[in-house]
Amino acid sequence: MIGKGIDNATPAVAGNDGVYTVVTTRWNADIVEGLLTGALNALGVAGITGEQVRVVRVPGAFEIPLACQAAAGRPDCDAVIALGAVIRGGTPHFEYVAGECTRGIGQVALQSGKPVAFGVLTVDSLEQALERSGDNDENKGAEAAMSAVEMVNLLRSLAR
């Protein structure tokens, strides 16, 4: 796969003193753990570690927006990183869950005024999910983390 997002191989986003909440799902745990590892590694490269990072787990992708809303509502949270995986099956369930999760995450960002980075895979197959959550330059958890850091920096500069 040819990457078109943030270059995970050489993260160039400057870190900051922000606090980041990572919301992950327990559903599709093997995939999501890869996304979480990618996100935590990317944050670490930017110098964001320890008490600057909180990880919370929700049952599945449908529950992500509510947890993101609760996290973004905390005064000590600068950004939220949403991680999950919705893999297409043989029923319309995929469209409902993926659509509502995506819509909810976007609403939280707009309503809270805080970055909510989208690291929820919506894929057609397990193979696609593994490709995007592996220990490689295409890890979407790492991309979401870098996006969150970049947006915190941007919003801080715009507020000056």
Protein backbone atom coordinates (compact mmCIF):
# COMPACT_ATOMS: atom_id res chain seq x y z
CA MET A 1 0.00 0.00 0.00
CA ILE A 2 1.25 3.45 -0.85
CA GLY A 3 0.91 5.82 2.11
CA LYS A 4 -0.80 9.12 1.49
CA GLY A 5 -1.07 10.33 5.09
CA ILE A 6 1.45 11.45 7.64
CA ASP A 7 4.89 9.89 7.19
CA ASN A 8 5.23 7.52 10.14
CA ALA A 9 8.80 6.62 9.26
CA THR A 10 10.15 10.04 10.17
CA PRO A 11 7.73 11.84 12.50
CA ALA A 12 8.37 15.56 12.17
CA VAL A 13 5.69 16.89 14.50
CA ALA A 14 7.09 18.76 17.48
CA GLY A 15 5.87 17.50 20.83
CA ASN A 16 4.24 19.61 23.50
CA ASP A 17 3.13 19.46 27.13
CA GLY A 18 -0.42 18.39 26.26
CA VAL A 19 -2.37 15.54 27.80
CA TYR A 20 -3.74 12.97 25.36
CA THR A 21 -6.49 10.44 25.98
CA VAL A 22 -6.42 7.39 23.74
CA VAL A 23 -9.81 5.68 23.43
CA THR A 24 -9.50 2.10 22.18
CA THR A 25 -11.95 -0.74 21.66
CA ARG A 26 -11.78 -4.21 23.11
CA TRP A 27 -13.53 -5.55 19.99
CA ASN A 28 -10.99 -6.71 17.36
CA ALA A 29 -8.39 -6.55 20.13
CA ASP A 30 -5.49 -7.95 18.09
CA ILE A 31 -5.91 -5.24 15.47
CA VAL A 32 -6.51 -2.46 17.98
CA GLU A 33 -3.47 -3.40 20.07
CA GLY A 34 -1.36 -2.83 16.95
CA LEU A 35 -2.96 0.59 16.49
CA LEU A 36 -2.37 1.42 20.15
CA THR A 37 1.27 0.37 19.95
CA GLY A 38 1.73 2.57 16.88
CA ALA A 39 0.07 5.53 18.60
CA LEU A 40 2.09 5.19 21.80
CA ASN A 41 5.32 4.81 19.85
CA ALA A 42 4.57 7.92 17.77
CA LEU A 43 3.72 9.92 20.89
CA GLY A 44 6.95 8.72 22.48
CA VAL A 45 9.00 9.86 19.49
CA ALA A 46 7.41 13.30 19.95
CA GLY A 47 8.43 13.23 23.63
CA ILE A 48 4.89 12.70 24.90
CA THR A 49 4.97 9.96 27.53
CA GLY A 50 4.01 9.00 31.06
CA GLU A 51 1.28 11.06 32.68
CA GLN A 52 0.70 12.93 29.42
CA VAL A 53 -1.01 9.83 28.00
CA ARG A 54 -4.14 8.09 29.27
CA VAL A 55 -5.56 4.95 27.68
CA VAL A 56 -9.20 3.98 28.16
CA ARG A 57 -11.01 1.02 26.65
CA VAL A 58 -14.58 0.73 25.45
CA PRO A 59 -16.46 -2.39 24.31
CA GLY A 60 -16.70 -1.54 20.60
CA ALA A 61 -16.62 1.16 17.96
CA PHE A 62 -20.17 2.32 18.62
CA GLU A 63 -19.12 3.35 22.14
CA ILE A 64 -16.08 5.37 21.02
CA PRO A 65 -17.85 8.74 20.54
CA LEU A 66 -19.31 8.82 24.06
CA ALA A 67 -15.93 8.03 25.64
CA CYS A 68 -14.30 10.65 23.40
CA GLN A 69 -16.90 13.18 24.53
CA ALA A 70 -16.24 12.41 28.21
CA ALA A 71 -12.48 12.66 27.70
CA ALA A 72 -12.68 15.89 25.68
CA GLY A 73 -14.89 17.38 28.38
CA ARG A 74 -12.11 17.13 30.95
CA PRO A 75 -10.19 20.36 31.43
CA ASP A 76 -6.92 18.42 31.65
CA CYS A 77 -7.35 16.75 28.24
CA ASP A 78 -5.86 18.53 25.22
CA ALA A 79 -6.71 15.93 22.57
CA VAL A 80 -8.32 12.55 22.09
CA ILE A 81 -7.10 9.76 19.84
CA ALA A 82 -9.83 7.30 18.82
CA LEU A 83 -8.65 3.81 17.83
CA GLY A 84 -10.73 0.86 16.68
CA ALA A 85 -11.45 -1.48 13.81
CA VAL A 86 -14.70 -2.14 12.00
CA ILE A 87 -14.36 -4.96 9.47
CA ARG A 88 -17.04 -5.44 6.82
CA GLY A 89 -19.12 -8.57 7.16
CA GLY A 90 -22.10 -10.00 5.35
CA THR A 91 -24.73 -7.72 6.94
CA PRO A 92 -25.48 -3.97 6.98
CA HIS A 93 -24.07 -3.80 10.54
CA PHE A 94 -20.74 -2.49 9.18
CA GLU A 95 -22.35 0.59 7.60
CA TYR A 96 -24.32 1.44 10.74
CA VAL A 97 -21.43 1.09 13.17
CA ALA A 98 -18.79 2.69 10.93
CA GLY A 99 -21.07 5.59 10.01
CA GLU A 100 -22.24 6.39 13.53
CA CYS A 101 -18.74 6.05 14.97
CA THR A 102 -17.32 8.40 12.35
CA ARG A 103 -20.13 10.91 12.70
CA GLY A 104 -19.94 10.86 16.49
CA ILE A 105 -16.18 11.41 16.58
CA GLY A 106 -16.50 14.39 14.25
CA GLN A 107 -19.27 15.89 16.37
CA VAL A 108 -17.18 15.57 19.53
CA ALA A 109 -14.32 17.48 17.93
CA LEU A 110 -16.56 20.29 16.72
CA GLN A 111 -18.56 20.56 19.94
CA SER A 112 -15.57 20.39 22.29
CA GLY A 113 -13.18 22.48 20.21
CA LYS A 114 -10.50 19.88 20.90
CA PRO A 115 -8.76 17.60 18.42
CA VAL A 116 -10.25 14.12 18.20
CA ALA A 117 -7.97 12.17 15.89
CA PHE A 118 -9.63 9.44 13.83
CA GLY A 119 -7.74 6.16 14.01
CA VAL A 120 -10.69 3.84 13.49
CA LEU A 121 -10.12 1.42 10.65
CA THR A 122 -13.12 0.82 8.40
CA VAL A 123 -11.93 -1.97 6.15
CA ASP A 124 -13.24 -4.73 3.92
CA SER A 125 -11.06 -7.53 5.26
CA LEU A 126 -8.89 -8.76 8.09
CA GLU A 127 -5.90 -8.51 5.75
CA GLN A 128 -6.51 -4.79 5.23
CA ALA A 129 -6.84 -4.29 8.98
CA LEU A 130 -3.58 -6.12 9.66
CA GLU A 131 -1.79 -4.07 7.00
CA ARG A 132 -2.94 -0.81 8.59
CA SER A 133 -2.24 -1.83 12.19
CA GLY A 134 1.09 -3.60 11.84
CA ASP A 135 4.57 -2.62 12.91
CA ASN A 136 5.17 -0.65 9.71
CA ASP A 137 5.06 2.81 8.19
CA GLU A 138 1.35 2.44 7.38
CA ASN A 139 0.15 2.13 11.00
CA LYS A 140 -2.97 4.27 11.28
CA GLY A 141 -2.67 4.48 15.07
CA ALA A 142 0.64 6.27 14.62
CA GLU A 143 -0.90 8.56 12.01
CA ALA A 144 -3.78 9.44 14.32
CA ALA A 145 -1.40 10.22 17.18
CA MET A 146 0.74 12.46 14.98
CA SER A 147 -2.40 14.22 13.76
CA ALA A 148 -3.52 14.87 17.35
CA VAL A 149 -0.15 16.35 18.31
CA GLU A 150 -0.06 18.51 15.20
CA MET A 151 -3.58 19.79 15.85
CA VAL A 152 -2.81 20.65 19.48
CA ASN A 153 0.16 22.67 18.25
CA LEU A 154 -1.94 24.35 15.56
CA LEU A 155 -4.81 25.27 17.86
CA ARG A 156 -2.39 26.69 20.41
CA SER A 157 -0.73 28.84 17.76
CA LEU A 158 -4.10 30.06 16.45
CA ALA A 159 -5.18 31.03 19.98
CA ARG A 160 -2.21 33.39 20.40
